[in-house]
Amino acid sequence: MGRMSAPLGAPLSEAGHGAAVPDGKAAGSGKAPVGFRVDRSVAVGRHPLLEVFPGLDLLATARRQEPAASGRRRLYQTTTVEVVEEDLWMYVAPWTMPAGAPRRWRPVVSPEVDCIVLGASHLRESEELILYLDIFHELCHIQQRRAGRRLFDRRTSYVRRSTEIEAYRFVIDEARDLGVPDATLREYLRVEWITDKEHAELCTSVGLPAELPAPRRRARAS
């Protein structure tokens, strides 16, 4: 269901919309790929996905995520983004209020329309790399839901949900291809609603090596 502040359970050609934009390779830089763009000036409210992230469908990441041009066209032309004032990252708006949702949770509910909710401060202030990882993570969830899978499942812990593991694994693999260091990616997975133990489990599940313990200081000779 994505990275947010208070989660539940915590196409014009075969290549896509016109010519494809190749992903840039910036080994070790920790940067989003060349061609990734975000309009940080969009107003609070609902917008087409490609208005907020122009050209997102032209990235090689988009083609790897949805190889079929028709499926990619539908995904990018029918998904919307709702920018909200709340202090959060991103999540997929449920079609209906999920059963068993905490009373304090008041998500955007978007019947019949696939909508990714995006916090205004996240949009305006976060690094491009984080926005790149987050938007493709959420698009994975849109695909999963369209395939009939359940996103808001409180019966399973966040770090063990197959939907989360798959979405995180996809963006982690893409980031590693860009040369993003594993330490940066481990920090990306360190969200506020999971414990250190759960964080380590999630890292292992998506193929990130365990964080090396800090070296022990040698005791001085007396």
Foldseek 3Di string as FASTA:
>chain_A
DAWKDQCQLRADDQLADPAADEFAADAAPLAGTPQWDADLPDDAAKDQPCVGTPRPCRYVLVCVLPVGRVVSHCLRGQEMEGEDQDPIAKAWADCDPDPPGDPVDDGDHNHPGTYMYGYSCNSNPPGSSLVSLRVQLRSLVVVCVVVPDDDNDSVDRPLPDPSNLVSLLSSVVVSVSNNHDLVVSLVSLPGDPDDPVSSQSSCVSSPRDGDDDDDDDDDDDD
